[in-house]
Amino acid sequence: GAGCVPLGIGIGALWGAGIGGLVGVTVKGEQWQRIDASPVQPDVR
């Protein structure tokens, strides 16, 4: 009965977290740091 719902949520969350961790290990993303640009002005024309 109703015991299946929390069991399904818990097991699904664990599986999803595991798969998300595997995806995170294989995917890289570039990290950016904002710097004070007051004396520097990039220009594209």
All heavy atoms as atom14 arrays in JSON, in Angstrom:
{
  "sequence": "GAGCVPLGIGIGALWGAGIGGLVGVTVKGEQWQRIDASPVQPDVR",
  "atom14_mask": [
    [1, 1, 1, 1, 0, 0, 0, 0, 0, 0, 0, 0, 0, 0],
    [1, 1, 1, 1, 1, 0, 0, 0, 0, 0, 0, 0, 0, 0],
    [1, 1, 1, 1, 0, 0, 0, 0, 0, 0, 0, 0, 0, 0],
    [1, 1, 1, 1, 1, 1, 0, 0, 0, 0, 0, 0, 0, 0],
    [1, 1, 1, 1, 1, 1, 1, 0, 0, 0, 0, 0, 0, 0],
    [1, 1, 1, 1, 1, 1, 1, 0, 0, 0, 0, 0, 0, 0],
    [1, 1, 1, 1, 1, 1, 1, 1, 0, 0, 0, 0, 0, 0],
    [1, 1, 1, 1, 0, 0, 0, 0, 0, 0, 0, 0, 0, 0],
    [1, 1, 1, 1, 1, 1, 1, 1, 0, 0, 0, 0, 0, 0],
    [1, 1, 1, 1, 0, 0, 0, 0, 0, 0, 0, 0, 0, 0],
    [1, 1, 1, 1, 1, 1, 1, 1, 0, 0, 0, 0, 0, 0],
    [1, 1, 1, 1, 0, 0, 0, 0, 0, 0, 0, 0, 0, 0],
    [1, 1, 1, 1, 1, 0, 0, 0, 0, 0, 0, 0, 0, 0],
    [1, 1, 1, 1, 1, 1, 1, 1, 0, 0, 0, 0, 0, 0],
    [1, 1, 1, 1, 1, 1, 1, 1, 1, 1, 1, 1, 1, 1],
    [1, 1, 1, 1, 0, 0, 0, 0, 0, 0, 0, 0, 0, 0],
    [1, 1, 1, 1, 1, 0, 0, 0, 0, 0, 0, 0, 0, 0],
    [1, 1, 1, 1, 0, 0, 0, 0, 0, 0, 0, 0, 0, 0],
    [1, 1, 1, 1, 1, 1, 1, 1, 0, 0, 0, 0, 0, 0],
    [1, 1, 1, 1, 0, 0, 0, 0, 0, 0, 0, 0, 0, 0],
    [1, 1, 1, 1, 0, 0, 0, 0, 0, 0, 0, 0, 0, 0],
    [1, 1, 1, 1, 1, 1, 1, 1, 0, 0, 0, 0, 0, 0],
    [1, 1, 1, 1, 1, 1, 1, 0, 0, 0, 0, 0, 0, 0],
    [1, 1, 1, 1, 0, 0, 0, 0, 0, 0, 0, 0, 0, 0],
    [1, 1, 1, 1, 1, 1, 1, 0, 0, 0, 0, 0, 0, 0],
    [1, 1, 1, 1, 1, 1, 1, 0, 0, 0, 0, 0, 0, 0],
    [1, 1, 1, 1, 1, 1, 1, 0, 0, 0, 0, 0, 0, 0],
    [1, 1, 1, 1, 1, 1, 1, 1, 1, 0, 0, 0, 0, 0],
    [1, 1, 1, 1, 0, 0, 0, 0, 0, 0, 0, 0, 0, 0],
    [1, 1, 1, 1, 1, 1, 1, 1, 1, 0, 0, 0, 0, 0],
    [1, 1, 1, 1, 1, 1, 1, 1, 1, 0, 0, 0, 0, 0],
    [1, 1, 1, 1, 1, 1, 1, 1, 1, 1, 1, 1, 1, 1],
    [1, 1, 1, 1, 1, 1, 1, 1, 1, 0, 0, 0, 0, 0],
    [1, 1, 1, 1, 1, 1, 1, 1, 1, 1, 1, 0, 0, 0],
    [1, 1, 1, 1, 1, 1, 1, 1, 0, 0, 0, 0, 0, 0],
    [1, 1, 1, 1, 1, 1, 1, 1, 0, 0, 0, 0, 0, 0],
    [1, 1, 1, 1, 1, 0, 0, 0, 0, 0, 0, 0, 0, 0],
    [1, 1, 1, 1, 1, 1, 0, 0, 0, 0, 0, 0, 0, 0],
    [1, 1, 1, 1, 1, 1, 1, 0, 0, 0, 0, 0, 0, 0],
    [1, 1, 1, 1, 1, 1, 1, 0, 0, 0, 0, 0, 0, 0],
    [1, 1, 1, 1, 1, 1, 1, 1, 1, 0, 0, 0, 0, 0],
    [1, 1, 1, 1, 1, 1, 1, 0, 0, 0, 0, 0, 0, 0],
    [1, 1, 1, 1, 1, 1, 1, 1, 0, 0, 0, 0, 0, 0],
    [1, 1, 1, 1, 1, 1, 1, 0, 0, 0, 0, 0, 0, 0],
    [1, 1, 1, 1, 1, 1, 1, 1, 1, 1, 1, 0, 0, 0]
  ],
  "atom14_positions": [
    [[0.79, -1.22, 0.0], [0.0, 0.0, 0.0], [0.82, 1.27, 0.0], [1.71, 1.48, -0.81], [0.0, 0.0, 0.0], [0.0, 0.0, 0.0], [0.0, 0.0, 0.0], [0.0, 0.0, 0.0], [0.0, 0.0, 0.0], [0.0, 0.0, 0.0], [0.0, 0.0, 0.0], [0.0, 0.0, 0.0], [0.0, 0.0, 0.0], [0.0, 0.0, 0.0]],
    [[0.52, 2.14, 0.96], [1.15, 3.46, 1.02], [2.64, 3.41, 1.34], [3.35, 4.37, 1.12], [0.44, 4.33, 2.05], [0.0, 0.0, 0.0], [0.0, 0.0, 0.0], [0.0, 0.0, 0.0], [0.0, 0.0, 0.0], [0.0, 0.0, 0.0], [0.0, 0.0, 0.0], [0.0, 0.0, 0.0], [0.0, 0.0, 0.0], [0.0, 0.0, 0.0]],
    [[3.14, 2.29, 1.85], [4.57, 2.16, 2.14], [5.43, 2.16, 0.89], [6.64, 2.39, 0.95], [0.0, 0.0, 0.0], [0.0, 0.0, 0.0], [0.0, 0.0, 0.0], [0.0, 0.0, 0.0], [0.0, 0.0, 0.0], [0.0, 0.0, 0.0], [0.0, 0.0, 0.0], [0.0, 0.0, 0.0], [0.0, 0.0, 0.0], [0.0, 0.0, 0.0]],
    [[4.82, 1.9, -0.26], [5.58, 1.89, -1.52], [6.04, 3.29, -1.93], [7.07, 3.44, -2.55], [4.73, 1.3, -2.64], [4.37, -0.44, -2.45], [0.0, 0.0, 0.0], [0.0, 0.0, 0.0], [0.0, 0.0, 0.0], [0.0, 0.0, 0.0], [0.0, 0.0, 0.0], [0.0, 0.0, 0.0], [0.0, 0.0, 0.0], [0.0, 0.0, 0.0]],
    [[5.25, 4.31, -1.6], [5.56, 5.66, -2.04], [6.86, 6.17, -1.42], [7.78, 6.57, -2.14], [4.37, 6.62, -1.79], [4.75, 8.04, -2.12], [3.16, 6.17, -2.6], [0.0, 0.0, 0.0], [0.0, 0.0, 0.0], [0.0, 0.0, 0.0], [0.0, 0.0, 0.0], [0.0, 0.0, 0.0], [0.0, 0.0, 0.0], [0.0, 0.0, 0.0]],
    [[7.02, 6.17, -0.07], [8.29, 6.66, 0.47], [9.47, 5.77, 0.09], [10.58, 6.28, -0.11], [8.08, 6.67, 1.98], [6.76, 6.07, 2.26], [6.04, 5.89, 0.97], [0.0, 0.0, 0.0], [0.0, 0.0, 0.0], [0.0, 0.0, 0.0], [0.0, 0.0, 0.0], [0.0, 0.0, 0.0], [0.0, 0.0, 0.0], [0.0, 0.0, 0.0]],
    [[9.22, 4.48, -0.04], [10.3, 3.57, -0.46], [10.74, 3.92, -1.88], [11.95, 4.0, -2.17], [9.83, 2.12, -0.38], [10.86, 1.06, -0.74], [12.02, 1.09, 0.27], [10.22, -0.31, -0.77], [0.0, 0.0, 0.0], [0.0, 0.0, 0.0], [0.0, 0.0, 0.0], [0.0, 0.0, 0.0], [0.0, 0.0, 0.0], [0.0, 0.0, 0.0]],
    [[9.77, 4.17, -2.77], [10.1, 4.54, -4.15], [10.85, 5.86, -4.21], [11.8, 6.01, -4.97], [0.0, 0.0, 0.0], [0.0, 0.0, 0.0], [0.0, 0.0, 0.0], [0.0, 0.0, 0.0], [0.0, 0.0, 0.0], [0.0, 0.0, 0.0], [0.0, 0.0, 0.0], [0.0, 0.0, 0.0], [0.0, 0.0, 0.0], [0.0, 0.0, 0.0]],
    [[10.42, 6.84, -3.41], [11.09, 8.14, -3.39], [12.54, 7.99, -2.91], [13.46, 8.54, -3.51], [10.32, 9.15, -2.51], [8.99, 9.49, -3.16], [11.15, 10.41, -2.28], [8.06, 10.31, -2.28], [0.0, 0.0, 0.0], [0.0, 0.0, 0.0], [0.0, 0.0, 0.0], [0.0, 0.0, 0.0], [0.0, 0.0, 0.0], [0.0, 0.0, 0.0]],
    [[12.73, 7.24, -1.83], [14.08, 7.07, -1.28], [15.02, 6.35, -2.24], [16.14, 6.81, -2.48], [0.0, 0.0, 0.0], [0.0, 0.0, 0.0], [0.0, 0.0, 0.0], [0.0, 0.0, 0.0], [0.0, 0.0, 0.0], [0.0, 0.0, 0.0], [0.0, 0.0, 0.0], [0.0, 0.0, 0.0], [0.0, 0.0, 0.0], [0.0, 0.0, 0.0]],
    [[14.54, 5.25, -2.79], [15.39, 4.49, -3.72], [15.65, 5.3, -4.98], [16.77, 5.35, -5.5], [14.75, 3.13, -4.04], [14.79, 2.24, -2.79], [15.45, 2.45, -5.2], [14.04, 0.93, -2.92], [0.0, 0.0, 0.0], [0.0, 0.0, 0.0], [0.0, 0.0, 0.0], [0.0, 0.0, 0.0], [0.0, 0.0, 0.0], [0.0, 0.0, 0.0]],
    [[14.61, 5.99, -5.49], [14.79, 6.83, -6.68], [15.78, 7.96, -6.44], [16.6, 8.26, -7.3], [0.0, 0.0, 0.0], [0.0, 0.0, 0.0], [0.0, 0.0, 0.0], [0.0, 0.0, 0.0], [0.0, 0.0, 0.0], [0.0, 0.0, 0.0], [0.0, 0.0, 0.0], [0.0, 0.0, 0.0], [0.0, 0.0, 0.0], [0.0, 0.0, 0.0]],
    [[15.7, 8.58, -5.25], [16.63, 9.67, -4.94], [18.07, 9.16, -4.87], [18.99, 9.81, -5.35], [16.24, 10.34, -3.63], [0.0, 0.0, 0.0], [0.0, 0.0, 0.0], [0.0, 0.0, 0.0], [0.0, 0.0, 0.0], [0.0, 0.0, 0.0], [0.0, 0.0, 0.0], [0.0, 0.0, 0.0], [0.0, 0.0, 0.0], [0.0, 0.0, 0.0]],
    [[18.27, 7.99, -4.28], [19.63, 7.42, -4.21], [20.17, 7.1, -5.6], [21.32, 7.4, -5.92], [19.64, 6.18, -3.33], [19.48, 6.43, -1.83], [19.36, 5.11, -1.08], [20.64, 7.24, -1.29], [0.0, 0.0, 0.0], [0.0, 0.0, 0.0], [0.0, 0.0, 0.0], [0.0, 0.0, 0.0], [0.0, 0.0, 0.0], [0.0, 0.0, 0.0]],
    [[19.34, 6.47, -6.42], [19.77, 6.16, -7.77], [20.06, 7.43, -8.56], [21.06, 7.53, -9.27], [18.69, 5.33, -8.5], [18.85, 3.87, -8.29], [18.22, 3.11, -7.35], [19.69, 2.98, -9.02], [18.62, 1.8, -7.47], [19.53, 1.69, -8.48], [20.57, 3.16, -10.08], [20.21, 0.6, -8.96], [21.25, 2.05, -10.56], [21.07, 0.79, -10.0]],
    [[19.18, 8.41, -8.44], [19.37, 9.67, -9.16], [20.63, 10.4, -8.72], [21.36, 10.96, -9.54], [0.0, 0.0, 0.0], [0.0, 0.0, 0.0], [0.0, 0.0, 0.0], [0.0, 0.0, 0.0], [0.0, 0.0, 0.0], [0.0, 0.0, 0.0], [0.0, 0.0, 0.0], [0.0, 0.0, 0.0], [0.0, 0.0, 0.0], [0.0, 0.0, 0.0]],
    [[20.89, 10.4, -7.41], [22.1, 11.04, -6.91], [23.36, 10.33, -7.44], [24.34, 10.97, -7.81], [22.11, 11.07, -5.39], [0.0, 0.0, 0.0], [0.0, 0.0, 0.0], [0.0, 0.0, 0.0], [0.0, 0.0, 0.0], [0.0, 0.0, 0.0], [0.0, 0.0, 0.0], [0.0, 0.0, 0.0], [0.0, 0.0, 0.0], [0.0, 0.0, 0.0]],
    [[23.3, 9.01, -7.48], [24.43, 8.24, -8.01], [24.68, 8.52, -9.48], [25.81, 8.75, -9.91], [0.0, 0.0, 0.0], [0.0, 0.0, 0.0], [0.0, 0.0, 0.0], [0.0, 0.0, 0.0], [0.0, 0.0, 0.0], [0.0, 0.0, 0.0], [0.0, 0.0, 0.0], [0.0, 0.0, 0.0], [0.0, 0.0, 0.0], [0.0, 0.0, 0.0]],
    [[23.61, 8.55, -10.25], [23.75, 8.84, -11.68], [24.21, 10.29, -11.88], [25.07, 10.57, -12.72], [22.43, 8.56, -12.42], [22.15, 7.05, -12.41], [22.46, 9.1, -13.84], [20.78, 6.67, -12.89], [0.0, 0.0, 0.0], [0.0, 0.0, 0.0], [0.0, 0.0, 0.0], [0.0, 0.0, 0.0], [0.0, 0.0, 0.0], [0.0, 0.0, 0.0]],
    [[23.66, 11.2, -11.09], [24.1, 12.6, -11.18], [25.57, 12.74, -10.84], [26.3, 13.52, -11.45], [0.0, 0.0, 0.0], [0.0, 0.0, 0.0], [0.0, 0.0, 0.0], [0.0, 0.0, 0.0], [0.0, 0.0, 0.0], [0.0, 0.0, 0.0], [0.0, 0.0, 0.0], [0.0, 0.0, 0.0], [0.0, 0.0, 0.0], [0.0, 0.0, 0.0]],
    [[26.04, 11.99, -9.83], [27.46, 12.01, -9.48], [28.33, 11.51, -10.62], [29.4, 12.07, -10.9], [0.0, 0.0, 0.0], [0.0, 0.0, 0.0], [0.0, 0.0, 0.0], [0.0, 0.0, 0.0], [0.0, 0.0, 0.0], [0.0, 0.0, 0.0], [0.0, 0.0, 0.0], [0.0, 0.0, 0.0], [0.0, 0.0, 0.0], [0.0, 0.0, 0.0]],
    [[27.88, 10.45, -11.29], [28.64, 9.93, -12.44], [28.68, 10.94, -13.57], [29.71, 11.12, -14.22], [28.02, 8.62, -12.93], [28.2, 7.42, -12.01], [27.42, 6.22, -12.54], [29.67, 7.07, -11.85], [0.0, 0.0, 0.0], [0.0, 0.0, 0.0], [0.0, 0.0, 0.0], [0.0, 0.0, 0.0], [0.0, 0.0, 0.0], [0.0, 0.0, 0.0]],
    [[27.57, 11.61, -13.81], [27.55, 12.65, -14.84], [28.49, 13.78, -14.45], [29.26, 14.29, -15.26], [26.11, 13.18, -15.06], [26.12, 14.44, -15.91], [25.25, 12.11, -15.69], [0.0, 0.0, 0.0], [0.0, 0.0, 0.0], [0.0, 0.0, 0.0], [0.0, 0.0, 0.0], [0.0, 0.0, 0.0], [0.0, 0.0, 0.0], [0.0, 0.0, 0.0]],
    [[28.46, 14.17, -13.17], [29.33, 15.25, -12.71], [30.81, 14.93, -12.82], [31.64, 15.82, -13.03], [0.0, 0.0, 0.0], [0.0, 0.0, 0.0], [0.0, 0.0, 0.0], [0.0, 0.0, 0.0], [0.0, 0.0, 0.0], [0.0, 0.0, 0.0], [0.0, 0.0, 0.0], [0.0, 0.0, 0.0], [0.0, 0.0, 0.0], [0.0, 0.0, 0.0]],
    [[31.16, 13.65, -12.68], [32.56, 13.24, -12.81], [33.03, 13.36, -14.25], [34.17, 13.71, -14.52], [32.75, 11.8, -12.29], [34.08, 11.22, -12.7], [32.61, 11.77, -10.78], [0.0, 0.0, 0.0], [0.0, 0.0, 0.0], [0.0, 0.0, 0.0], [0.0, 0.0, 0.0], [0.0, 0.0, 0.0], [0.0, 0.0, 0.0], [0.0, 0.0, 0.0]],
    [[32.13, 13.09, -15.19], [32.54, 13.08, -16.59], [32.43, 14.45, -17.26], [33.08, 14.68, -18.28], [31.69, 12.08, -17.39], [30.31, 12.45, -17.29], [31.88, 10.67, -16.87], [0.0, 0.0, 0.0], [0.0, 0.0, 0.0], [0.0, 0.0, 0.0], [0.0, 0.0, 0.0], [0.0, 0.0, 0.0], [0.0, 0.0, 0.0], [0.0, 0.0, 0.0]],
    [[31.61, 15.36, -16.72], [31.39, 16.66, -17.36], [32.22, 17.73, -16.66], [32.19, 17.84, -15.45], [29.89, 17.04, -17.32], [29.67, 18.44, -17.86], [29.07, 16.03, -18.08], [0.0, 0.0, 0.0], [0.0, 0.0, 0.0], [0.0, 0.0, 0.0], [0.0, 0.0, 0.0], [0.0, 0.0, 0.0], [0.0, 0.0, 0.0], [0.0, 0.0, 0.0]],
    [[32.95, 18.5, -17.45], [33.72, 19.61, -16.9], [33.05, 20.91, -17.29], [32.42, 21.02, -18.33], [35.14, 19.62, -17.46], [36.03, 18.56, -16.92], [37.42, 18.74, -17.47], [38.39, 17.73, -16.91], [39.73, 17.93, -17.46], [0.0, 0.0, 0.0], [0.0, 0.0, 0.0], [0.0, 0.0, 0.0], [0.0, 0.0, 0.0], [0.0, 0.0, 0.0]],
    [[33.2, 21.89, -16.43], [32.68, 23.23, -16.72], [33.71, 24.27, -16.32], [34.46, 24.08, -15.37], [0.0, 0.0, 0.0], [0.0, 0.0, 0.0], [0.0, 0.0, 0.0], [0.0, 0.0, 0.0], [0.0, 0.0, 0.0], [0.0, 0.0, 0.0], [0.0, 0.0, 0.0], [0.0, 0.0, 0.0], [0.0, 0.0, 0.0], [0.0, 0.0, 0.0]],
    [[33.75, 25.33, -17.07], [34.71, 26.38, -16.78], [34.21, 27.25, -15.63], [33.04, 27.61, -15.58], [34.96, 27.24, -18.02], [36.16, 28.13, -17.88], [36.66, 28.64, -19.21], [36.02, 28.39, -20.24], [37.71, 29.29, -19.22], [0.0, 0.0, 0.0], [0.0, 0.0, 0.0], [0.0, 0.0, 0.0], [0.0, 0.0, 0.0], [0.0, 0.0, 0.0]],
    [[35.09, 27.55, -14.7], [34.77, 28.4, -13.55], [35.27, 29.81, -13.83], [36.38, 30.0, -14.33], [35.45, 27.86, -12.29], [35.07, 26.45, -11.94], [33.65, 26.36, -11.46], [33.23, 27.13, -10.61], [32.9, 25.42, -11.99], [0.0, 0.0, 0.0], [0.0, 0.0, 0.0], [0.0, 0.0, 0.0], [0.0, 0.0, 0.0], [0.0, 0.0, 0.0]],
    [[34.46, 30.82, -13.47], [34.81, 32.21, -13.72], [34.76, 32.99, -12.43], [33.93, 32.73, -11.57], [33.84, 32.83, -14.72], [33.95, 32.22, -16.07], [33.29, 31.13, -16.54], [34.79, 32.65, -17.12], [33.66, 30.86, -17.82], [34.58, 31.79, -18.21], [35.7, 33.69, -17.27], [35.25, 31.93, -19.42], [36.36, 33.83, -18.48], [36.14, 32.95, -19.54]],
    [[35.67, 33.95, -12.29], [35.7, 34.82, -11.13], [35.56, 36.26, -11.61], [36.29, 36.7, -12.51], [37.01, 34.66, -10.36], [37.12, 35.58, -9.17], [38.46, 35.43, -8.46], [39.36, 34.76, -8.95], [38.57, 36.05, -7.32], [0.0, 0.0, 0.0], [0.0, 0.0, 0.0], [0.0, 0.0, 0.0], [0.0, 0.0, 0.0], [0.0, 0.0, 0.0]],
    [[34.63, 36.97, -11.02], [34.42, 38.37, -11.39], [35.53, 39.22, -10.8], [35.89, 39.06, -9.63], [33.06, 38.83, -10.88], [32.65, 40.15, -11.4], [31.23, 40.44, -11.0], [30.81, 41.69, -11.6], [29.62, 42.18, -11.51], [28.7, 41.53, -10.84], [29.31, 43.31, -12.08], [0.0, 0.0, 0.0], [0.0, 0.0, 0.0], [0.0, 0.0, 0.0]],
    [[36.09, 40.12, -11.6], [37.14, 41.0, -11.11], [36.69, 42.45, -11.3], [35.83, 42.74, -12.12], [38.49, 40.74, -11.81], [38.38, 40.93, -13.33], [39.01, 39.37, -11.49], [39.68, 40.8, -14.06], [0.0, 0.0, 0.0], [0.0, 0.0, 0.0], [0.0, 0.0, 0.0], [0.0, 0.0, 0.0], [0.0, 0.0, 0.0], [0.0, 0.0, 0.0]],
    [[37.29, 43.33, -10.52], [36.93, 44.75, -10.6], [37.37, 45.3, -11.95], [38.55, 45.31, -12.3], [37.62, 45.51, -9.47], [37.26, 46.98, -9.46], [36.2, 47.33, -10.02], [38.03, 47.77, -8.9], [0.0, 0.0, 0.0], [0.0, 0.0, 0.0], [0.0, 0.0, 0.0], [0.0, 0.0, 0.0], [0.0, 0.0, 0.0], [0.0, 0.0, 0.0]],
    [[36.41, 45.78, -12.7], [36.69, 46.23, -14.07], [36.68, 47.75, -14.19], [36.63, 48.26, -15.29], [35.67, 45.63, -15.01], [0.0, 0.0, 0.0], [0.0, 0.0, 0.0], [0.0, 0.0, 0.0], [0.0, 0.0, 0.0], [0.0, 0.0, 0.0], [0.0, 0.0, 0.0], [0.0, 0.0, 0.0], [0.0, 0.0, 0.0], [0.0, 0.0, 0.0]],
    [[36.7, 48.46, -13.09], [36.6, 49.91, -13.19], [37.72, 50.53, -14.03], [37.44, 51.37, -14.87], [36.52, 50.54, -11.81], [37.61, 50.14, -11.02], [0.0, 0.0, 0.0], [0.0, 0.0, 0.0], [0.0, 0.0, 0.0], [0.0, 0.0, 0.0], [0.0, 0.0, 0.0], [0.0, 0.0, 0.0], [0.0, 0.0, 0.0], [0.0, 0.0, 0.0]],
    [[39.0, 50.16, -13.87], [40.01, 50.76, -14.74], [40.15, 50.06, -16.08], [40.82, 50.54, -16.97], [41.3, 50.61, -13.93], [41.09, 49.42, -13.1], [39.61, 49.39, -12.8], [0.0, 0.0, 0.0], [0.0, 0.0, 0.0], [0.0, 0.0, 0.0], [0.0, 0.0, 0.0], [0.0, 0.0, 0.0], [0.0, 0.0, 0.0], [0.0, 0.0, 0.0]],
    [[39.5, 48.92, -16.26], [39.63, 48.13, -17.49], [38.3, 48.15, -18.22], [37.27, 47.88, -17.64], [40.04, 46.68, -17.15], [40.14, 45.85, -18.42], [41.33, 46.64, -16.37], [0.0, 0.0, 0.0], [0.0, 0.0, 0.0], [0.0, 0.0, 0.0], [0.0, 0.0, 0.0], [0.0, 0.0, 0.0], [0.0, 0.0, 0.0], [0.0, 0.0, 0.0]],
    [[38.34, 48.46, -19.51], [37.13, 48.46, -20.32], [37.34, 47.59, -21.55], [38.07, 47.96, -22.46], [36.77, 49.87, -20.76], [36.29, 50.75, -19.65], [35.89, 52.11, -20.18], [36.36, 52.56, -21.21], [35.01, 52.76, -19.44], [0.0, 0.0, 0.0], [0.0, 0.0, 0.0], [0.0, 0.0, 0.0], [0.0, 0.0, 0.0], [0.0, 0.0, 0.0]],
    [[36.71, 46.4, -21.58], [36.79, 45.59, -22.79], [36.01, 46.28, -23.9], [35.03, 46.97, -23.65], [36.13, 44.27, -22.4], [35.68, 44.41, -21.01], [36.0, 45.76, -20.51], [0.0, 0.0, 0.0], [0.0, 0.0, 0.0], [0.0, 0.0, 0.0], [0.0, 0.0, 0.0], [0.0, 0.0, 0.0], [0.0, 0.0, 0.0], [0.0, 0.0, 0.0]],
    [[36.44, 46.1, -25.12], [35.83, 46.8, -26.25], [35.72, 45.84, -27.43], [36.69, 45.19, -27.8], [36.73, 48.0, -26.61], [36.11, 48.9, -27.65], [34.87, 48.9, -27.77], [36.88, 49.6, -28.33], [0.0, 0.0, 0.0], [0.0, 0.0, 0.0], [0.0, 0.0, 0.0], [0.0, 0.0, 0.0], [0.0, 0.0, 0.0], [0.0, 0.0, 0.0]],
    [[34.52, 45.73, -27.98], [34.29, 44.91, -29.17], [33.65, 45.8, -30.22], [32.66, 46.46, -29.96], [33.34, 43.72, -28.84], [33.08, 42.9, -30.09], [33.9, 42.86, -27.72], [0.0, 0.0, 0.0], [0.0, 0.0, 0.0], [0.0, 0.0, 0.0], [0.0, 0.0, 0.0], [0.0, 0.0, 0.0], [0.0, 0.0, 0.0], [0.0, 0.0, 0.0]],
    [[34.25, 45.82, -31.4], [33.7, 46.67, -32.46], [34.0, 46.04, -33.82], [34.97, 45.3, -33.96], [34.25, 48.08, -32.37], [35.74, 48.19, -32.64], [36.22, 49.6, -32.62], [36.15, 50.1, -31.26], [36.52, 51.31, -30.9], [36.99, 52.13, -31.79], [36.44, 51.71, -29.66], [0.0, 0.0, 0.0], [0.0, 0.0, 0.0], [0.0, 0.0, 0.0]]
  ]
}
